[in-house]
Amino acid sequence: MTKSEIAKAFSNGEFEKTYDFIAENAEWIVIEEDKFTGKQAIIDNCEKVGSYFKSVTTDFKTLNTIADGNIVVINGTAEFLRDGKRISFVSACDVYEFNDQDNIKTVTSYCIQSK
């Protein structure tokens, strides 16, 4: 997978595809919410988030992918539905920093939930 493909998969909740591409000492910072340090902590949170995604219908839309060297930025939206009704809508931007082995070193996520 390319860095852009890895980033897009992570941003779209296809976490399992990305596990082999997360550095052992990686960090995932969700601005104003949480910080996960280390590959296992990130995977544990991915599993938790993934369980939620499976409990609802998800509609992810990638609006832009910007790649420059070891940095990839993905922005898009996520709509979450249950029984045909919207329960949440999020506009998000994820900034990925990769190391020299093309593994995720840092993810910084900015998530704005619609009111």
N, C-alpha and C. Protein backbone atom coordinates (compact mmCIF):
# COMPACT_ATOMS: atom_id res chain seq x y z
N MET A 1 0.84 -1.19 0.00
CA MET A 1 0.00 0.00 0.00
C MET A 1 0.88 1.25 0.00
N THR A 2 0.43 2.26 -0.70
CA THR A 2 1.14 3.54 -0.67
C THR A 2 0.78 4.28 0.61
N LYS A 3 1.53 5.32 0.92
CA LYS A 3 1.23 6.13 2.10
C LYS A 3 -0.17 6.72 1.99
N SER A 4 -0.54 7.19 0.82
CA SER A 4 -1.89 7.75 0.64
C SER A 4 -2.97 6.70 0.85
N GLU A 5 -2.74 5.48 0.37
CA GLU A 5 -3.71 4.40 0.56
C GLU A 5 -3.84 4.01 2.03
N ILE A 6 -2.71 3.98 2.73
CA ILE A 6 -2.72 3.67 4.16
C ILE A 6 -3.53 4.73 4.90
N ALA A 7 -3.23 6.00 4.61
CA ALA A 7 -3.92 7.10 5.28
C ALA A 7 -5.42 7.07 4.99
N LYS A 8 -5.78 6.87 3.75
CA LYS A 8 -7.20 6.84 3.39
C LYS A 8 -7.92 5.70 4.09
N ALA A 9 -7.30 4.54 4.14
CA ALA A 9 -7.92 3.39 4.82
C ALA A 9 -8.14 3.71 6.30
N PHE A 10 -7.14 4.28 6.95
CA PHE A 10 -7.27 4.63 8.38
C PHE A 10 -8.38 5.65 8.56
N SER A 11 -8.37 6.71 7.74
CA SER A 11 -9.38 7.77 7.87
C SER A 11 -10.79 7.26 7.61
N ASN A 12 -10.92 6.24 6.78
CA ASN A 12 -12.24 5.69 6.46
C ASN A 12 -12.63 4.50 7.34
N GLY A 13 -11.90 4.31 8.42
CA GLY A 13 -12.27 3.27 9.38
C GLY A 13 -11.92 1.86 8.98
N GLU A 14 -11.10 1.70 7.94
CA GLU A 14 -10.64 0.37 7.52
C GLU A 14 -9.32 0.08 8.25
N PHE A 15 -9.40 0.11 9.57
CA PHE A 15 -8.20 0.08 10.41
C PHE A 15 -7.35 -1.17 10.22
N GLU A 16 -8.00 -2.34 10.09
CA GLU A 16 -7.24 -3.59 10.01
C GLU A 16 -6.22 -3.57 8.88
N LYS A 17 -6.55 -2.90 7.79
CA LYS A 17 -5.64 -2.81 6.65
C LYS A 17 -4.36 -2.04 6.99
N THR A 18 -4.40 -1.25 8.05
CA THR A 18 -3.28 -0.35 8.35
C THR A 18 -2.37 -0.84 9.47
N TYR A 19 -2.78 -1.86 10.19
CA TYR A 19 -2.03 -2.28 11.39
C TYR A 19 -0.56 -2.58 11.11
N ASP A 20 -0.27 -3.18 9.98
CA ASP A 20 1.12 -3.51 9.64
C ASP A 20 1.94 -2.27 9.32
N PHE A 21 1.28 -1.14 9.18
CA PHE A 21 1.97 0.09 8.77
C PHE A 21 1.99 1.14 9.89
N ILE A 22 1.79 0.69 11.13
CA ILE A 22 1.86 1.59 12.28
C ILE A 22 3.17 1.32 13.02
N ALA A 23 3.98 2.36 13.19
CA ALA A 23 5.25 2.21 13.90
C ALA A 23 4.99 1.87 15.37
N GLU A 24 5.91 1.14 15.98
CA GLU A 24 5.77 0.73 17.39
C GLU A 24 5.60 1.92 18.32
N ASN A 25 6.28 3.02 18.04
CA ASN A 25 6.25 4.19 18.92
C ASN A 25 5.33 5.30 18.39
N ALA A 26 4.36 4.92 17.57
CA ALA A 26 3.47 5.90 16.94
C ALA A 26 2.57 6.58 17.98
N GLU A 27 2.05 7.75 17.58
CA GLU A 27 1.08 8.47 18.39
C GLU A 27 -0.12 8.84 17.54
N TRP A 28 -1.30 8.77 18.16
CA TRP A 28 -2.53 9.23 17.52
C TRP A 28 -3.13 10.28 18.45
N ILE A 29 -3.14 11.49 17.99
CA ILE A 29 -3.64 12.60 18.77
C ILE A 29 -4.98 13.03 18.18
N VAL A 30 -6.04 12.93 18.96
CA VAL A 30 -7.35 13.40 18.54
C VAL A 30 -7.55 14.73 19.29
N ILE A 31 -7.43 15.82 18.56
CA ILE A 31 -7.43 17.15 19.15
C ILE A 31 -8.66 17.36 20.02
N GLU A 32 -8.42 17.87 21.22
CA GLU A 32 -9.46 18.19 22.21
C GLU A 32 -10.19 16.95 22.74
N GLU A 33 -9.66 15.74 22.44
CA GLU A 33 -10.34 14.54 22.91
C GLU A 33 -9.42 13.57 23.62
N ASP A 34 -8.36 13.10 22.92
CA ASP A 34 -7.56 12.02 23.49
C ASP A 34 -6.21 11.90 22.79
N LYS A 35 -5.34 11.09 23.37
CA LYS A 35 -4.02 10.81 22.77
C LYS A 35 -3.69 9.35 23.06
N PHE A 36 -3.26 8.64 22.02
CA PHE A 36 -2.91 7.23 22.14
C PHE A 36 -1.44 7.08 21.76
N THR A 37 -0.65 6.52 22.65
CA THR A 37 0.78 6.41 22.44
C THR A 37 1.17 4.94 22.34
N GLY A 38 1.84 4.59 21.25
CA GLY A 38 2.29 3.22 21.02
C GLY A 38 1.33 2.47 20.11
N LYS A 39 1.90 1.58 19.32
CA LYS A 39 1.12 0.83 18.33
C LYS A 39 -0.05 0.09 18.96
N GLN A 40 0.17 -0.59 20.09
CA GLN A 40 -0.90 -1.38 20.70
C GLN A 40 -2.03 -0.49 21.20
N ALA A 41 -1.71 0.66 21.77
CA ALA A 41 -2.76 1.58 22.24
C ALA A 41 -3.59 2.09 21.07
N ILE A 42 -2.93 2.35 19.95
CA ILE A 42 -3.64 2.80 18.76
C ILE A 42 -4.55 1.69 18.23
N ILE A 43 -4.02 0.48 18.15
CA ILE A 43 -4.83 -0.66 17.67
C ILE A 43 -6.02 -0.89 18.60
N ASP A 44 -5.79 -0.81 19.92
CA ASP A 44 -6.89 -1.01 20.87
C ASP A 44 -7.99 0.02 20.64
N ASN A 45 -7.61 1.28 20.39
CA ASN A 45 -8.63 2.30 20.14
C ASN A 45 -9.31 2.06 18.79
N CYS A 46 -8.54 1.63 17.80
CA CYS A 46 -9.12 1.31 16.49
C CYS A 46 -10.19 0.22 16.63
N GLU A 47 -9.91 -0.78 17.44
CA GLU A 47 -10.86 -1.87 17.65
C GLU A 47 -12.14 -1.34 18.32
N LYS A 48 -11.98 -0.44 19.28
CA LYS A 48 -13.13 0.16 19.97
C LYS A 48 -13.97 0.98 18.99
N VAL A 49 -13.30 1.84 18.22
CA VAL A 49 -13.99 2.67 17.24
C VAL A 49 -14.62 1.80 16.16
N GLY A 50 -13.90 0.78 15.72
CA GLY A 50 -14.40 -0.14 14.71
C GLY A 50 -15.66 -0.86 15.15
N SER A 51 -15.75 -1.20 16.43
CA SER A 51 -16.96 -1.84 16.96
C SER A 51 -18.15 -0.90 16.86
N TYR A 52 -17.91 0.37 17.15
CA TYR A 52 -18.99 1.36 17.01
C TYR A 52 -19.42 1.46 15.54
N PHE A 53 -18.43 1.53 14.64
CA PHE A 53 -18.75 1.63 13.21
C PHE A 53 -19.61 0.47 12.75
N LYS A 54 -19.39 -0.71 13.34
CA LYS A 54 -20.18 -1.89 12.95
C LYS A 54 -21.59 -1.85 13.50
N SER A 55 -21.82 -1.00 14.51
CA SER A 55 -23.15 -0.92 15.13
C SER A 55 -24.06 0.08 14.43
N VAL A 56 -23.50 0.80 13.46
CA VAL A 56 -24.25 1.82 12.72
C VAL A 56 -23.96 1.65 11.23
N THR A 57 -24.73 2.35 10.42
CA THR A 57 -24.42 2.43 9.00
C THR A 57 -23.52 3.65 8.82
N THR A 58 -22.40 3.47 8.15
CA THR A 58 -21.45 4.57 7.99
C THR A 58 -21.37 4.99 6.52
N ASP A 59 -21.21 6.28 6.34
CA ASP A 59 -21.01 6.82 4.99
C ASP A 59 -19.83 7.79 5.06
N PHE A 60 -18.66 7.28 4.66
CA PHE A 60 -17.44 8.09 4.65
C PHE A 60 -17.25 8.70 3.26
N LYS A 61 -16.92 9.96 3.23
CA LYS A 61 -16.60 10.62 1.97
C LYS A 61 -15.25 11.31 2.11
N THR A 62 -14.30 10.94 1.25
CA THR A 62 -13.01 11.60 1.21
C THR A 62 -13.12 12.77 0.24
N LEU A 63 -12.86 13.96 0.73
CA LEU A 63 -12.95 15.15 -0.10
C LEU A 63 -11.61 15.49 -0.74
N ASN A 64 -10.54 15.38 0.03
CA ASN A 64 -9.20 15.71 -0.48
C ASN A 64 -8.15 14.80 0.12
N THR A 65 -7.16 14.48 -0.68
CA THR A 65 -5.96 13.79 -0.22
C THR A 65 -4.78 14.61 -0.72
N ILE A 66 -3.96 15.05 0.21
CA ILE A 66 -2.77 15.84 -0.14
C ILE A 66 -1.56 15.09 0.39
N ALA A 67 -0.62 14.80 -0.49
CA ALA A 67 0.59 14.07 -0.09
C ALA A 67 1.82 14.87 -0.50
N ASP A 68 2.77 14.96 0.43
CA ASP A 68 4.04 15.64 0.16
C ASP A 68 5.11 14.96 1.00
N GLY A 69 5.96 14.17 0.35
CA GLY A 69 7.01 13.46 1.08
C GLY A 69 6.41 12.49 2.08
N ASN A 70 6.77 12.66 3.35
CA ASN A 70 6.30 11.77 4.41
C ASN A 70 5.03 12.26 5.10
N ILE A 71 4.36 13.25 4.51
CA ILE A 71 3.13 13.80 5.09
C ILE A 71 1.96 13.51 4.13
N VAL A 72 0.87 13.02 4.69
CA VAL A 72 -0.37 12.84 3.93
C VAL A 72 -1.49 13.46 4.76
N VAL A 73 -2.33 14.23 4.10
CA VAL A 73 -3.48 14.86 4.76
C VAL A 73 -4.75 14.39 4.05
N ILE A 74 -5.70 13.94 4.84
CA ILE A 74 -6.99 13.49 4.32
C ILE A 74 -8.07 14.32 5.00
N ASN A 75 -8.95 14.91 4.21
CA ASN A 75 -10.12 15.52 4.85
C ASN A 75 -11.37 14.98 4.20
N GLY A 76 -12.41 14.91 5.01
CA GLY A 76 -13.66 14.38 4.51
C GLY A 76 -14.74 14.44 5.55
N THR A 77 -15.80 13.67 5.31
CA THR A 77 -16.92 13.64 6.22
C THR A 77 -17.30 12.20 6.54
N ALA A 78 -18.01 12.06 7.64
CA ALA A 78 -18.53 10.75 8.04
C ALA A 78 -19.94 10.95 8.57
N GLU A 79 -20.87 10.21 7.99
CA GLU A 79 -22.24 10.24 8.47
C GLU A 79 -22.55 8.88 9.08
N PHE A 80 -23.19 8.91 10.24
CA PHE A 80 -23.53 7.68 10.96
C PHE A 80 -25.04 7.61 11.10
N LEU A 81 -25.60 6.49 10.63
CA LEU A 81 -27.05 6.29 10.62
C LEU A 81 -27.43 5.05 11.41
N ARG A 82 -28.58 5.12 12.06
CA ARG A 82 -29.14 3.94 12.72
C ARG A 82 -30.63 3.94 12.41
N ASP A 83 -31.11 2.83 11.89
CA ASP A 83 -32.51 2.71 11.50
C ASP A 83 -32.90 3.81 10.52
N GLY A 84 -31.99 4.15 9.61
CA GLY A 84 -32.26 5.13 8.58
C GLY A 84 -32.23 6.58 9.05
N LYS A 85 -31.91 6.81 10.32
CA LYS A 85 -31.87 8.17 10.85
C LYS A 85 -30.44 8.57 11.20
N ARG A 86 -30.08 9.80 10.84
CA ARG A 86 -28.75 10.31 11.16
C ARG A 86 -28.60 10.47 12.68
N ILE A 87 -27.55 9.85 13.21
CA ILE A 87 -27.26 10.04 14.63
C ILE A 87 -26.03 10.90 14.84
N SER A 88 -25.22 11.04 13.78
CA SER A 88 -24.03 11.87 13.90
C SER A 88 -23.49 12.20 12.52
N PHE A 89 -22.89 13.38 12.42
CA PHE A 89 -22.22 13.80 11.19
C PHE A 89 -20.94 14.52 11.60
N VAL A 90 -19.82 14.09 11.05
CA VAL A 90 -18.52 14.63 11.44
C VAL A 90 -17.77 15.10 10.20
N SER A 91 -17.21 16.30 10.30
CA SER A 91 -16.25 16.78 9.30
C SER A 91 -14.88 16.59 9.93
N ALA A 92 -13.96 15.99 9.18
CA ALA A 92 -12.68 15.63 9.78
C ALA A 92 -11.51 15.93 8.86
N CYS A 93 -10.37 16.10 9.50
CA CYS A 93 -9.10 16.23 8.79
C CYS A 93 -8.06 15.45 9.59
N ASP A 94 -7.39 14.53 8.93
CA ASP A 94 -6.33 13.73 9.56
C ASP A 94 -5.00 14.05 8.89
N VAL A 95 -4.01 14.36 9.71
CA VAL A 95 -2.66 14.63 9.22
C VAL A 95 -1.78 13.46 9.63
N TYR A 96 -1.20 12.79 8.64
CA TYR A 96 -0.35 11.62 8.87
C TYR A 96 1.10 11.98 8.62
N GLU A 97 1.94 11.57 9.55
CA GLU A 97 3.38 11.71 9.39
C GLU A 97 3.95 10.30 9.35
N PHE A 98 4.68 9.99 8.30
CA PHE A 98 5.27 8.66 8.13
C PHE A 98 6.77 8.72 8.42
N ASN A 99 7.31 7.59 8.91
CA ASN A 99 8.76 7.52 9.12
C ASN A 99 9.44 7.05 7.83
N ASP A 100 10.74 6.85 7.88
CA ASP A 100 11.50 6.47 6.68
C ASP A 100 11.21 5.05 6.20
N GLN A 101 10.51 4.25 7.02
CA GLN A 101 10.10 2.90 6.61
C GLN A 101 8.67 2.90 6.08
N ASP A 102 8.11 4.08 5.83
CA ASP A 102 6.74 4.25 5.34
C ASP A 102 5.69 3.72 6.32
N ASN A 103 6.00 3.81 7.60
CA ASN A 103 5.05 3.46 8.65
C ASN A 103 4.53 4.74 9.29
N ILE A 104 3.28 4.69 9.76
CA ILE A 104 2.70 5.85 10.43
C ILE A 104 3.47 6.12 11.71
N LYS A 105 3.95 7.36 11.82
CA LYS A 105 4.64 7.82 13.03
C LYS A 105 3.69 8.63 13.91
N THR A 106 2.88 9.47 13.27
CA THR A 106 1.93 10.32 14.00
C THR A 106 0.66 10.51 13.17
N VAL A 107 -0.47 10.44 13.83
CA VAL A 107 -1.74 10.83 13.24
C VAL A 107 -2.29 11.94 14.13
N THR A 108 -2.62 13.06 13.52
CA THR A 108 -3.30 14.13 14.25
C THR A 108 -4.66 14.29 13.62
N SER A 109 -5.71 14.06 14.41
CA SER A 109 -7.08 14.09 13.90
C SER A 109 -7.83 15.28 14.45
N TYR A 110 -8.46 15.99 13.54
CA TYR A 110 -9.33 17.12 13.88
C TYR A 110 -10.74 16.71 13.48
N CYS A 111 -11.63 16.59 14.43
CA CYS A 111 -12.99 16.13 14.16
C CYS A 111 -13.99 17.16 14.69
N ILE A 112 -14.86 17.61 13.80
CA ILE A 112 -15.88 18.59 14.18
C ILE A 112 -17.24 17.93 13.98
N GLN A 113 -17.96 17.76 15.07
CA GLN A 113 -19.27 17.13 14.99
C GLN A 113 -20.33 18.20 14.76
N SER A 114 -21.21 17.94 13.80
CA SER A 114 -22.31 18.86 13.52
C SER A 114 -23.29 18.86 14.68
N LYS A 115 -23.90 20.00 14.88
CA LYS A 115 -24.88 20.11 15.97
C LYS A 115 -26.24 19.70 15.50
